[in-house]
Amino acid sequence: MDITFRSMVLFVRDMEISKAFYTDVLGQKVELDLGVNVGFVGGLALWDRAYVNDLLYAGKMPPGEAAAPPMEVYFETAEVEALAGRVAEAGVRLLHPLKEQPWAQRAIRFFDPDGHLVEAAEPMPAVVARLAAEGLSDAAISERTTLPRQVVAAMLGNECCD
């Protein structure tokens, strides 16, 4: 099974302040900016903490400052179902089982032995290809995944609109 470490995800209180810090102070280049989720060239990602807490952790963790961990370790694998099976067989404590996220990516989140949050998900190009195989247009895939239409077209090898 091929599992690839993709990034460290930092959950931040103020996206604009954090984005400015990483771009202006540390010279990181934004690769994809979805507002509540910003990915930098090289793999570092920022997620808006309130968005993450509402979207993924509501009801799973204590309220207040500890509502969401400060970060997660993120892996990708095309064999996410098989990995979910291995995690279950090992009796690993889950945040949630394998499920489709609001942006159509299938992911599982669980805790390592020290309580660090780990996410494993299918690569977004695989998500885009899956949705295309289901008959969705580039525009519909863009809407479903929140990826810009140009990114979807590039993943599919299609020409795009402006």
N, C-alpha and C. Protein backbone atom coordinates (compact mmCIF):
# COMPACT_ATOMS: atom_id res chain seq x y z
N MET A 1 0.85 -1.18 0.00
CA MET A 1 0.00 0.00 0.00
C MET A 1 0.89 1.23 0.00
N ASP A 2 0.64 2.12 -0.92
CA ASP A 2 1.40 3.34 -1.04
C ASP A 2 0.70 4.45 -0.28
N ILE A 3 1.32 4.93 0.81
CA ILE A 3 0.79 6.04 1.60
C ILE A 3 1.84 7.13 1.60
N THR A 4 1.45 8.32 1.19
CA THR A 4 2.38 9.43 1.03
C THR A 4 2.07 10.54 2.02
N PHE A 5 3.08 10.97 2.78
CA PHE A 5 2.92 12.14 3.63
C PHE A 5 2.77 13.34 2.72
N ARG A 6 1.73 14.16 2.94
CA ARG A 6 1.47 15.31 2.07
C ARG A 6 1.73 16.65 2.73
N SER A 7 1.31 16.79 3.98
CA SER A 7 1.47 18.11 4.57
C SER A 7 1.20 18.11 6.05
N MET A 8 1.59 19.20 6.64
CA MET A 8 1.22 19.52 8.00
C MET A 8 0.12 20.57 7.87
N VAL A 9 -0.97 20.39 8.58
CA VAL A 9 -2.09 21.31 8.53
C VAL A 9 -2.16 22.04 9.86
N LEU A 10 -2.03 23.35 9.82
CA LEU A 10 -2.13 24.16 11.02
C LEU A 10 -3.51 24.79 11.08
N PHE A 11 -4.18 24.65 12.22
CA PHE A 11 -5.49 25.27 12.42
C PHE A 11 -5.26 26.64 13.03
N VAL A 12 -5.69 27.69 12.33
CA VAL A 12 -5.36 29.06 12.72
C VAL A 12 -6.61 29.85 13.09
N ARG A 13 -6.42 30.81 13.98
CA ARG A 13 -7.54 31.63 14.46
C ARG A 13 -7.93 32.71 13.45
N ASP A 14 -6.94 33.31 12.78
CA ASP A 14 -7.20 34.40 11.85
C ASP A 14 -6.44 34.10 10.56
N MET A 15 -7.17 33.67 9.53
CA MET A 15 -6.54 33.23 8.29
C MET A 15 -5.70 34.31 7.66
N GLU A 16 -6.20 35.55 7.59
CA GLU A 16 -5.46 36.61 6.91
C GLU A 16 -4.15 36.93 7.63
N ILE A 17 -4.18 36.96 8.96
CA ILE A 17 -2.95 37.23 9.72
C ILE A 17 -1.97 36.08 9.52
N SER A 18 -2.45 34.84 9.60
CA SER A 18 -1.57 33.68 9.44
C SER A 18 -1.02 33.58 8.03
N LYS A 19 -1.88 33.82 7.03
CA LYS A 19 -1.43 33.78 5.64
C LYS A 19 -0.35 34.84 5.41
N ALA A 20 -0.57 36.04 5.94
CA ALA A 20 0.42 37.10 5.80
C ALA A 20 1.74 36.72 6.48
N PHE A 21 1.67 36.08 7.63
CA PHE A 21 2.88 35.65 8.33
C PHE A 21 3.68 34.69 7.46
N TYR A 22 3.01 33.66 6.94
CA TYR A 22 3.72 32.65 6.17
C TYR A 22 4.20 33.17 4.81
N THR A 23 3.47 34.12 4.22
CA THR A 23 3.92 34.66 2.93
C THR A 23 4.94 35.78 3.12
N ASP A 24 4.63 36.73 3.99
CA ASP A 24 5.48 37.91 4.14
C ASP A 24 6.73 37.65 4.97
N VAL A 25 6.58 36.93 6.06
CA VAL A 25 7.71 36.70 6.97
C VAL A 25 8.55 35.51 6.53
N LEU A 26 7.88 34.42 6.17
CA LEU A 26 8.61 33.19 5.84
C LEU A 26 8.75 32.94 4.34
N GLY A 27 8.21 33.84 3.52
CA GLY A 27 8.41 33.76 2.09
C GLY A 27 7.74 32.58 1.40
N GLN A 28 6.70 32.02 2.00
CA GLN A 28 6.00 30.89 1.39
C GLN A 28 5.11 31.39 0.26
N LYS A 29 4.98 30.58 -0.76
CA LYS A 29 4.16 30.93 -1.93
C LYS A 29 2.83 30.17 -1.85
N VAL A 30 1.73 30.91 -1.98
CA VAL A 30 0.41 30.30 -1.96
C VAL A 30 0.22 29.50 -3.24
N GLU A 31 -0.16 28.24 -3.09
CA GLU A 31 -0.46 27.40 -4.25
C GLU A 31 -1.95 27.39 -4.55
N LEU A 32 -2.76 27.36 -3.48
CA LEU A 32 -4.22 27.34 -3.65
C LEU A 32 -4.85 28.02 -2.44
N ASP A 33 -5.69 29.00 -2.69
CA ASP A 33 -6.35 29.74 -1.61
C ASP A 33 -7.86 29.57 -1.76
N LEU A 34 -8.45 28.81 -0.84
CA LEU A 34 -9.89 28.59 -0.85
C LEU A 34 -10.59 29.37 0.27
N GLY A 35 -9.88 30.37 0.79
CA GLY A 35 -10.46 31.18 1.86
C GLY A 35 -10.26 30.57 3.23
N VAL A 36 -10.99 29.51 3.52
CA VAL A 36 -10.87 28.84 4.82
C VAL A 36 -9.77 27.79 4.83
N ASN A 37 -9.16 27.56 3.67
CA ASN A 37 -8.11 26.56 3.52
C ASN A 37 -7.11 27.14 2.53
N VAL A 38 -5.86 27.29 2.97
CA VAL A 38 -4.80 27.83 2.12
C VAL A 38 -3.66 26.82 2.08
N GLY A 39 -3.28 26.43 0.86
CA GLY A 39 -2.15 25.52 0.69
C GLY A 39 -0.98 26.25 0.08
N PHE A 40 0.21 25.98 0.60
CA PHE A 40 1.43 26.60 0.11
C PHE A 40 2.23 25.60 -0.71
N VAL A 41 3.02 26.10 -1.64
CA VAL A 41 3.96 25.27 -2.37
C VAL A 41 4.87 24.61 -1.33
N GLY A 42 5.05 23.34 -1.44
CA GLY A 42 5.88 22.62 -0.47
C GLY A 42 5.08 21.82 0.53
N GLY A 43 3.77 22.09 0.63
CA GLY A 43 2.93 21.23 1.43
C GLY A 43 2.29 21.79 2.68
N LEU A 44 2.81 22.86 3.24
CA LEU A 44 2.18 23.43 4.44
C LEU A 44 0.79 23.92 4.08
N ALA A 45 -0.16 23.68 4.98
CA ALA A 45 -1.53 24.14 4.75
C ALA A 45 -2.06 24.81 6.01
N LEU A 46 -2.92 25.79 5.82
CA LEU A 46 -3.60 26.48 6.92
C LEU A 46 -5.10 26.25 6.75
N TRP A 47 -5.77 25.96 7.85
CA TRP A 47 -7.23 25.86 7.86
C TRP A 47 -7.76 26.81 8.92
N ASP A 48 -8.83 27.50 8.61
CA ASP A 48 -9.49 28.36 9.59
C ASP A 48 -10.02 27.50 10.73
N ARG A 49 -9.57 27.80 11.94
CA ARG A 49 -9.90 26.98 13.12
C ARG A 49 -11.41 26.89 13.37
N ALA A 50 -12.13 28.00 13.25
CA ALA A 50 -13.57 27.98 13.49
C ALA A 50 -14.27 27.11 12.45
N TYR A 51 -13.83 27.21 11.19
CA TYR A 51 -14.41 26.40 10.12
C TYR A 51 -14.19 24.92 10.40
N VAL A 52 -12.96 24.57 10.77
CA VAL A 52 -12.64 23.17 11.07
C VAL A 52 -13.47 22.69 12.25
N ASN A 53 -13.58 23.49 13.28
CA ASN A 53 -14.34 23.08 14.45
C ASN A 53 -15.80 22.84 14.09
N ASP A 54 -16.38 23.73 13.33
CA ASP A 54 -17.79 23.58 12.93
C ASP A 54 -17.96 22.40 11.97
N LEU A 55 -17.08 22.29 10.99
CA LEU A 55 -17.24 21.30 9.93
C LEU A 55 -16.89 19.89 10.37
N LEU A 56 -15.79 19.73 11.06
CA LEU A 56 -15.28 18.39 11.32
C LEU A 56 -15.38 17.91 12.76
N TYR A 57 -15.29 18.80 13.72
CA TYR A 57 -15.13 18.35 15.10
C TYR A 57 -16.31 18.64 16.02
N ALA A 58 -17.32 19.31 15.52
CA ALA A 58 -18.46 19.67 16.38
C ALA A 58 -19.00 18.43 17.07
N GLY A 59 -19.12 18.52 18.37
CA GLY A 59 -19.65 17.41 19.14
C GLY A 59 -18.65 16.31 19.43
N LYS A 60 -17.46 16.41 18.90
CA LYS A 60 -16.46 15.36 19.11
C LYS A 60 -15.39 15.74 20.13
N MET A 61 -15.20 17.05 20.33
CA MET A 61 -14.16 17.51 21.24
C MET A 61 -14.75 18.56 22.16
N PRO A 62 -14.07 18.82 23.28
CA PRO A 62 -14.61 19.79 24.23
C PRO A 62 -14.76 21.17 23.60
N PRO A 63 -15.75 21.94 24.05
CA PRO A 63 -15.92 23.30 23.52
C PRO A 63 -14.81 24.22 23.98
N GLY A 64 -14.76 25.39 23.38
CA GLY A 64 -13.78 26.40 23.79
C GLY A 64 -12.46 26.26 23.08
N GLU A 65 -11.41 26.73 23.72
CA GLU A 65 -10.08 26.76 23.12
C GLU A 65 -9.60 25.40 22.66
N ALA A 66 -9.98 24.34 23.37
CA ALA A 66 -9.52 22.99 23.03
C ALA A 66 -10.44 22.31 22.01
N ALA A 67 -11.35 23.07 21.41
CA ALA A 67 -12.34 22.47 20.51
C ALA A 67 -11.71 21.74 19.32
N ALA A 68 -10.61 22.21 18.82
CA ALA A 68 -9.92 21.53 17.72
C ALA A 68 -8.44 21.50 18.06
N PRO A 69 -7.78 20.40 17.74
CA PRO A 69 -6.33 20.37 17.98
C PRO A 69 -5.65 21.45 17.15
N PRO A 70 -4.46 21.89 17.55
CA PRO A 70 -3.80 22.96 16.82
C PRO A 70 -3.28 22.54 15.44
N MET A 71 -3.24 21.23 15.16
CA MET A 71 -2.74 20.77 13.87
C MET A 71 -3.11 19.31 13.65
N GLU A 72 -2.93 18.84 12.41
CA GLU A 72 -3.05 17.43 12.11
C GLU A 72 -1.97 17.05 11.13
N VAL A 73 -1.61 15.79 11.12
CA VAL A 73 -0.67 15.26 10.15
C VAL A 73 -1.51 14.65 9.03
N TYR A 74 -1.18 15.00 7.78
CA TYR A 74 -2.03 14.63 6.65
C TYR A 74 -1.29 13.71 5.69
N PHE A 75 -1.92 12.58 5.38
CA PHE A 75 -1.40 11.62 4.42
C PHE A 75 -2.43 11.43 3.31
N GLU A 76 -1.94 11.00 2.14
CA GLU A 76 -2.83 10.64 1.04
C GLU A 76 -2.49 9.24 0.57
N THR A 77 -3.54 8.50 0.19
CA THR A 77 -3.36 7.20 -0.41
C THR A 77 -4.54 6.90 -1.33
N ALA A 78 -4.24 6.32 -2.47
CA ALA A 78 -5.31 5.90 -3.37
C ALA A 78 -6.05 4.70 -2.80
N GLU A 79 -5.47 4.07 -1.78
CA GLU A 79 -6.06 2.89 -1.15
C GLU A 79 -6.64 3.25 0.22
N VAL A 80 -7.41 4.33 0.27
CA VAL A 80 -7.91 4.83 1.55
C VAL A 80 -8.84 3.81 2.23
N GLU A 81 -9.59 3.03 1.46
CA GLU A 81 -10.47 2.02 2.05
C GLU A 81 -9.65 0.94 2.77
N ALA A 82 -8.57 0.50 2.12
CA ALA A 82 -7.70 -0.51 2.73
C ALA A 82 -7.06 0.02 4.00
N LEU A 83 -6.62 1.27 3.96
CA LEU A 83 -6.03 1.87 5.15
C LEU A 83 -7.05 1.96 6.28
N ALA A 84 -8.27 2.35 5.95
CA ALA A 84 -9.32 2.43 6.97
C ALA A 84 -9.52 1.05 7.62
N GLY A 85 -9.43 -0.01 6.82
CA GLY A 85 -9.53 -1.36 7.36
C GLY A 85 -8.38 -1.68 8.30
N ARG A 86 -7.17 -1.29 7.93
CA ARG A 86 -6.01 -1.53 8.81
C ARG A 86 -6.14 -0.76 10.11
N VAL A 87 -6.62 0.46 10.03
CA VAL A 87 -6.81 1.29 11.23
C VAL A 87 -7.84 0.62 12.15
N ALA A 88 -8.93 0.13 11.57
CA ALA A 88 -9.97 -0.54 12.37
C ALA A 88 -9.43 -1.82 13.00
N GLU A 89 -8.70 -2.62 12.23
CA GLU A 89 -8.13 -3.87 12.74
C GLU A 89 -7.18 -3.62 13.90
N ALA A 90 -6.47 -2.52 13.85
CA ALA A 90 -5.51 -2.19 14.91
C ALA A 90 -6.18 -1.59 16.14
N GLY A 91 -7.48 -1.34 16.07
CA GLY A 91 -8.19 -0.78 17.22
C GLY A 91 -7.83 0.66 17.51
N VAL A 92 -7.45 1.40 16.48
CA VAL A 92 -7.05 2.79 16.63
C VAL A 92 -8.27 3.64 16.97
N ARG A 93 -8.09 4.59 17.90
CA ARG A 93 -9.18 5.49 18.28
C ARG A 93 -9.45 6.46 17.13
N LEU A 94 -10.71 6.51 16.71
CA LEU A 94 -11.11 7.34 15.59
C LEU A 94 -11.68 8.68 16.04
N LEU A 95 -11.44 9.71 15.24
CA LEU A 95 -12.24 10.92 15.34
C LEU A 95 -13.50 10.67 14.52
N HIS A 96 -13.30 10.11 13.30
CA HIS A 96 -14.43 9.67 12.49
C HIS A 96 -13.95 8.58 11.53
N PRO A 97 -14.84 7.66 11.18
CA PRO A 97 -14.48 6.62 10.21
C PRO A 97 -14.36 7.22 8.82
N LEU A 98 -14.03 6.38 7.86
CA LEU A 98 -13.93 6.82 6.48
C LEU A 98 -15.28 7.40 6.05
N LYS A 99 -15.24 8.63 5.56
CA LYS A 99 -16.47 9.28 5.10
C LYS A 99 -16.12 10.31 4.05
N GLU A 100 -17.11 10.67 3.27
CA GLU A 100 -16.91 11.70 2.25
C GLU A 100 -17.05 13.07 2.90
N GLN A 101 -16.05 13.90 2.64
CA GLN A 101 -16.05 15.26 3.16
C GLN A 101 -16.98 16.13 2.29
N PRO A 102 -17.35 17.31 2.77
CA PRO A 102 -18.22 18.18 1.97
C PRO A 102 -17.64 18.52 0.60
N TRP A 103 -16.33 18.42 0.41
CA TRP A 103 -15.69 18.71 -0.87
C TRP A 103 -15.45 17.44 -1.69
N ALA A 104 -16.11 16.34 -1.32
CA ALA A 104 -16.15 15.06 -2.05
C ALA A 104 -14.95 14.15 -1.82
N GLN A 105 -13.98 14.57 -1.08
CA GLN A 105 -12.82 13.72 -0.79
C GLN A 105 -13.17 12.74 0.32
N ARG A 106 -12.81 11.48 0.15
CA ARG A 106 -13.03 10.49 1.20
C ARG A 106 -11.83 10.50 2.14
N ALA A 107 -12.12 10.58 3.45
CA ALA A 107 -11.06 10.71 4.45
C ALA A 107 -11.45 10.00 5.73
N ILE A 108 -10.43 9.62 6.48
CA ILE A 108 -10.59 9.06 7.82
C ILE A 108 -9.66 9.86 8.72
N ARG A 109 -10.12 10.15 9.94
CA ARG A 109 -9.29 10.86 10.91
C ARG A 109 -9.23 10.03 12.19
N PHE A 110 -8.02 9.91 12.70
CA PHE A 110 -7.81 9.08 13.88
C PHE A 110 -6.65 9.64 14.69
N PHE A 111 -6.42 9.07 15.86
CA PHE A 111 -5.39 9.56 16.75
C PHE A 111 -4.24 8.56 16.84
N ASP A 112 -3.02 9.08 16.83
CA ASP A 112 -1.87 8.21 17.01
C ASP A 112 -1.76 7.86 18.50
N PRO A 113 -0.82 7.01 18.89
CA PRO A 113 -0.74 6.59 20.29
C PRO A 113 -0.54 7.72 21.29
N ASP A 114 0.01 8.86 20.83
CA ASP A 114 0.20 10.00 21.72
C ASP A 114 -0.92 11.02 21.63
N GLY A 115 -1.97 10.71 20.88
CA GLY A 115 -3.11 11.60 20.78
C GLY A 115 -3.02 12.63 19.67
N HIS A 116 -2.00 12.55 18.81
CA HIS A 116 -1.91 13.47 17.68
C HIS A 116 -2.95 13.09 16.64
N LEU A 117 -3.57 14.08 16.04
CA LEU A 117 -4.59 13.84 15.04
C LEU A 117 -3.94 13.53 13.69
N VAL A 118 -4.38 12.45 13.07
CA VAL A 118 -3.86 12.03 11.77
C VAL A 118 -5.05 11.92 10.81
N GLU A 119 -4.88 12.47 9.60
CA GLU A 119 -5.87 12.32 8.55
C GLU A 119 -5.24 11.55 7.40
N ALA A 120 -5.99 10.64 6.83
CA ALA A 120 -5.59 9.96 5.60
C ALA A 120 -6.75 10.10 4.63
N ALA A 121 -6.45 10.53 3.42
CA ALA A 121 -7.51 10.80 2.44
C ALA A 121 -7.04 10.41 1.05
N GLU A 122 -8.03 10.29 0.17
CA GLU A 122 -7.69 10.03 -1.22
C GLU A 122 -7.14 11.32 -1.83
N PRO A 123 -6.20 11.23 -2.76
CA PRO A 123 -5.67 12.43 -3.41
C PRO A 123 -6.76 13.15 -4.19
N MET A 124 -6.72 14.48 -4.20
CA MET A 124 -7.74 15.24 -4.92
C MET A 124 -7.79 14.93 -6.41
N PRO A 125 -6.67 14.65 -7.09
CA PRO A 125 -6.82 14.24 -8.49
C PRO A 125 -7.66 12.97 -8.64
N ALA A 126 -7.57 12.07 -7.67
CA ALA A 126 -8.40 10.85 -7.70
C ALA A 126 -9.87 11.20 -7.47
N VAL A 127 -10.13 12.18 -6.61
CA VAL A 127 -11.50 12.63 -6.37
C VAL A 127 -12.08 13.20 -7.66
N VAL A 128 -11.31 14.08 -8.31
CA VAL A 128 -11.75 14.71 -9.55
C VAL A 128 -12.00 13.64 -10.61
N ALA A 129 -11.11 12.68 -10.74
CA ALA A 129 -11.28 11.60 -11.73
C ALA A 129 -12.51 10.76 -11.41
N ARG A 130 -12.74 10.48 -10.13
CA ARG A 130 -13.92 9.71 -9.72
C ARG A 130 -15.20 10.44 -10.10
N LEU A 131 -15.25 11.74 -9.82
CA LEU A 131 -16.44 12.52 -10.14
C LEU A 131 -16.65 12.63 -11.64
N ALA A 132 -15.55 12.76 -12.39
CA ALA A 132 -15.66 12.80 -13.86
C ALA A 132 -16.19 11.47 -14.38
N ALA A 133 -15.73 10.35 -13.79
CA ALA A 133 -16.20 9.03 -14.20
C ALA A 133 -17.68 8.84 -13.89
N GLU A 134 -18.16 9.58 -12.88
CA GLU A 134 -19.59 9.54 -12.54
C GLU A 134 -20.41 10.41 -13.48
N GLY A 135 -19.73 11.12 -14.40
CA GLY A 135 -20.43 11.92 -15.40
C GLY A 135 -20.54 13.39 -15.09
N LEU A 136 -19.91 13.88 -14.03
CA LEU A 136 -19.97 15.30 -13.72
C LEU A 136 -19.10 16.10 -14.69
N SER A 137 -19.56 17.27 -15.06
CA SER A 137 -18.79 18.18 -15.91
C SER A 137 -17.70 18.84 -15.08
N ASP A 138 -16.75 19.49 -15.77
CA ASP A 138 -15.70 20.23 -15.07
C ASP A 138 -16.32 21.26 -14.12
N ALA A 139 -17.33 21.98 -14.60
CA ALA A 139 -17.97 23.00 -13.77
C ALA A 139 -18.64 22.38 -12.55
N ALA A 140 -19.31 21.26 -12.72
CA ALA A 140 -19.97 20.59 -11.60
C ALA A 140 -18.95 20.05 -10.60
N ILE A 141 -17.84 19.54 -11.11
CA ILE A 141 -16.78 19.04 -10.22
C ILE A 141 -16.19 20.20 -9.44
N SER A 142 -15.96 21.32 -10.11
CA SER A 142 -15.44 22.51 -9.44
C SER A 142 -16.37 22.93 -8.31
N GLU A 143 -17.65 22.96 -8.59
CA GLU A 143 -18.62 23.35 -7.56
C GLU A 143 -18.63 22.34 -6.41
N ARG A 144 -18.61 21.07 -6.74
CA ARG A 144 -18.69 20.01 -5.72
C ARG A 144 -17.46 19.97 -4.83
N THR A 145 -16.27 20.19 -5.43
CA THR A 145 -15.02 20.07 -4.68
C THR A 145 -14.51 21.39 -4.11
N THR A 146 -15.04 22.50 -4.56
CA THR A 146 -14.59 23.87 -4.26
C THR A 146 -13.25 24.19 -4.91
N LEU A 147 -12.74 23.31 -5.77
CA LEU A 147 -11.51 23.61 -6.50
C LEU A 147 -11.84 24.56 -7.65
N PRO A 148 -10.95 25.51 -7.93
CA PRO A 148 -11.18 26.37 -9.08
C PRO A 148 -11.32 25.54 -10.36
N ARG A 149 -12.13 26.02 -11.27
CA ARG A 149 -12.42 25.28 -12.50
C ARG A 149 -11.14 25.01 -13.30
N GLN A 150 -10.21 25.95 -13.28
CA GLN A 150 -8.95 25.76 -13.99
C GLN A 150 -8.16 24.59 -13.41
N VAL A 151 -8.21 24.43 -12.10
CA VAL A 151 -7.50 23.32 -11.43
C VAL A 151 -8.14 21.99 -11.83
N VAL A 152 -9.46 21.94 -11.82
CA VAL A 152 -10.18 20.72 -12.22
C VAL A 152 -9.84 20.37 -13.66
N ALA A 153 -9.89 21.35 -14.56
CA ALA A 153 -9.59 21.09 -15.96
C ALA A 153 -8.17 20.57 -16.13
N ALA A 154 -7.23 21.15 -15.40
CA ALA A 154 -5.84 20.71 -15.48
C ALA A 154 -5.69 19.27 -14.98
N MET A 155 -6.38 18.93 -13.90
CA MET A 155 -6.31 17.57 -13.37
C MET A 155 -6.87 16.55 -14.36
N LEU A 156 -7.85 16.98 -15.14
CA LEU A 156 -8.46 16.09 -16.12
C LEU A 156 -7.82 16.17 -17.50
N GLY A 157 -6.87 17.09 -17.65
CA GLY A 157 -6.23 17.26 -18.95
C GLY A 157 -7.12 17.93 -19.96
N ASN A 158 -8.08 18.72 -19.50
CA ASN A 158 -9.02 19.41 -20.37
C ASN A 158 -8.61 20.87 -20.52
N GLU A 159 -9.05 21.48 -21.59
CA GLU A 159 -8.88 22.93 -21.72
C GLU A 159 -9.96 23.58 -20.88
N CYS A 160 -9.64 24.76 -20.42
CA CYS A 160 -10.60 25.43 -19.54
C CYS A 160 -11.03 26.76 -20.06
N CYS A 161 -12.05 27.19 -19.46
CA CYS A 161 -12.61 28.52 -19.72
C CYS A 161 -11.81 29.56 -18.96
N ASP A 162 -12.14 30.79 -19.18
CA ASP A 162 -11.50 31.87 -18.41
C ASP A 162 -12.44 32.39 -17.37
